[in-house]
């Protein structure tokens, strides 16, 4: 979709594209139920870095059945890089959606963040 403002064309940002299997998913009251053929690991292997983390967070937010695995993969990928804000977004989203049921590895690692900030 294009918008025109002050003589310049602007485009709306859209959420990441979903795989065909996820597009076939059913919408339920509490989120999306992925098609049985959807393989989260195989899907995630197609991406790296920020793109991978953002796509995994999106899936975790929309697919309750994949939340834990998607958040785990997002946090692991974020910690491979040096984007502390992206890592914080992944852990914050996990905490918001999983609450008290969140595993320890999804908690924000302050020591890691401080180390990365000193290196950058």
Protein backbone atom coordinates (compact mmCIF):
# COMPACT_ATOMS: atom_id res chain seq x y z
CA UNK A 1 0.00 0.00 0.00
CA UNK A 2 1.40 3.37 -0.95
CA UNK A 3 0.72 6.71 0.66
CA UNK A 4 1.60 10.08 -0.81
CA UNK A 5 2.67 12.91 1.44
CA UNK A 6 4.40 16.14 0.46
CA UNK A 7 5.01 14.78 -3.03
CA UNK A 8 6.90 11.73 -1.76
CA UNK A 9 5.71 8.17 -1.81
CA UNK A 10 5.81 6.42 1.53
CA UNK A 11 5.18 2.73 2.16
CA UNK A 12 3.65 1.19 5.23
CA UNK A 13 5.86 -1.29 7.01
CA UNK A 14 4.36 -4.74 7.19
CA UNK A 15 5.03 -7.65 9.49
CA UNK A 16 7.44 -10.33 8.29
CA UNK A 17 6.15 -12.74 5.66
CA UNK A 18 4.93 -16.02 7.04
CA UNK A 19 5.66 -19.41 5.54
CA UNK A 20 2.97 -21.22 3.54
CA UNK A 21 2.38 -23.62 6.45
CA UNK A 22 1.83 -20.73 8.85
CA UNK A 23 -0.46 -19.01 6.32
CA UNK A 24 -2.61 -22.16 6.35
CA UNK A 25 -2.89 -21.97 10.13
CA UNK A 26 -6.22 -21.59 11.84
CA UNK A 27 -7.04 -18.50 13.84
CA UNK A 28 -8.18 -19.34 17.37
CA UNK A 29 -9.34 -17.03 20.16
CA UNK A 30 -5.99 -17.27 21.93
CA UNK A 31 -3.79 -17.01 18.83
CA UNK A 32 -2.84 -18.92 15.70
CA UNK A 33 -2.75 -22.69 15.59
CA UNK A 34 -0.04 -23.59 13.04
CA UNK A 35 -0.63 -26.16 10.34
CA UNK A 36 0.76 -29.58 11.33
CA UNK A 37 3.36 -29.33 8.56
CA UNK A 38 4.95 -26.19 10.04
CA UNK A 39 8.50 -26.90 11.27
CA UNK A 40 9.74 -24.01 13.41
CA UNK A 41 13.39 -25.11 13.36
CA UNK A 42 13.45 -25.50 9.57
CA UNK A 43 11.72 -22.14 9.15
CA UNK A 44 14.15 -20.38 11.50
CA UNK A 45 17.22 -21.86 9.75
CA UNK A 46 16.35 -19.76 6.69
CA UNK A 47 17.24 -16.57 8.59
CA UNK A 48 19.99 -15.15 10.75
CA UNK A 49 20.55 -12.22 13.06
CA UNK A 50 17.92 -9.54 13.53
CA UNK A 51 15.56 -10.97 10.88
CA UNK A 52 15.57 -14.35 12.59
CA UNK A 53 14.95 -12.87 16.04
CA UNK A 54 12.11 -10.63 14.82
CA UNK A 55 10.39 -13.47 12.97
CA UNK A 56 10.68 -15.77 15.99
CA UNK A 57 9.25 -13.13 18.32
CA UNK A 58 6.36 -12.62 15.89
CA UNK A 59 5.64 -16.36 15.83
CA UNK A 60 5.90 -16.60 19.63
CA UNK A 61 3.42 -13.75 20.02
CA UNK A 62 0.91 -15.30 17.60
CA UNK A 63 1.25 -19.06 18.15
CA UNK A 64 0.79 -20.17 21.77
CA UNK A 65 1.80 -23.74 20.94
CA UNK A 66 5.18 -22.53 19.65
CA UNK A 67 5.86 -19.79 22.23
CA UNK A 68 8.48 -21.50 24.35
CA UNK A 69 10.52 -22.83 21.43
CA UNK A 70 10.25 -19.59 19.46
CA UNK A 71 11.29 -17.45 22.43
CA UNK A 72 14.16 -19.81 23.26
CA UNK A 73 15.44 -19.63 19.68
CA UNK A 74 14.96 -15.84 19.55
CA UNK A 75 16.92 -15.27 22.77
CA UNK A 76 19.70 -17.65 21.70
CA UNK A 77 20.03 -15.90 18.33
CA UNK A 78 19.95 -12.43 19.88
CA UNK A 79 22.79 -13.35 22.25
CA UNK A 80 24.96 -14.36 19.28
CA UNK A 81 25.02 -10.72 18.20
CA UNK A 82 25.65 -7.39 19.88
CA UNK A 83 22.21 -5.75 19.68
CA UNK A 84 21.30 -5.45 23.34
CA UNK A 85 17.99 -3.72 22.54
CA UNK A 86 16.91 -6.61 20.31
CA UNK A 87 17.87 -9.08 23.04
CA UNK A 88 15.91 -7.02 25.58
CA UNK A 89 12.89 -7.00 23.27
CA UNK A 90 12.97 -10.80 23.03
CA UNK A 91 13.27 -11.32 26.79
CA UNK A 92 10.67 -8.63 27.61
CA UNK A 93 8.16 -10.13 25.19
CA UNK A 94 8.77 -13.59 26.68
CA UNK A 95 8.26 -12.28 30.21
CA UNK A 96 5.09 -10.45 29.20
CA UNK A 97 3.52 -13.51 27.57
CA UNK A 98 4.86 -16.33 29.74
CA UNK A 99 4.90 -14.55 33.10
CA UNK A 100 5.71 -16.84 36.02
CA UNK A 101 5.90 -19.85 33.70
CA UNK A 102 9.03 -18.45 32.04
CA UNK A 103 12.21 -20.51 32.19
CA UNK A 104 15.36 -18.97 33.65
CA UNK A 105 17.22 -18.87 30.32
CA UNK A 106 14.62 -16.37 29.04
CA UNK A 107 15.33 -13.87 31.83
CA UNK A 108 17.31 -10.78 30.86
CA UNK A 109 21.02 -11.47 31.37
CA UNK A 110 22.35 -8.18 32.77
CA UNK A 111 25.94 -9.44 32.90
CA UNK A 112 25.87 -10.35 29.18
CA UNK A 113 24.31 -6.98 28.27
CA UNK A 114 26.92 -5.02 30.24
CA UNK A 115 29.75 -7.02 28.64
CA UNK A 116 28.40 -6.36 25.15
CA UNK A 117 27.90 -2.65 25.85
CA UNK A 118 31.54 -2.36 26.98
CA UNK A 119 32.74 -4.09 23.81
CA UNK A 120 30.77 -1.88 21.44
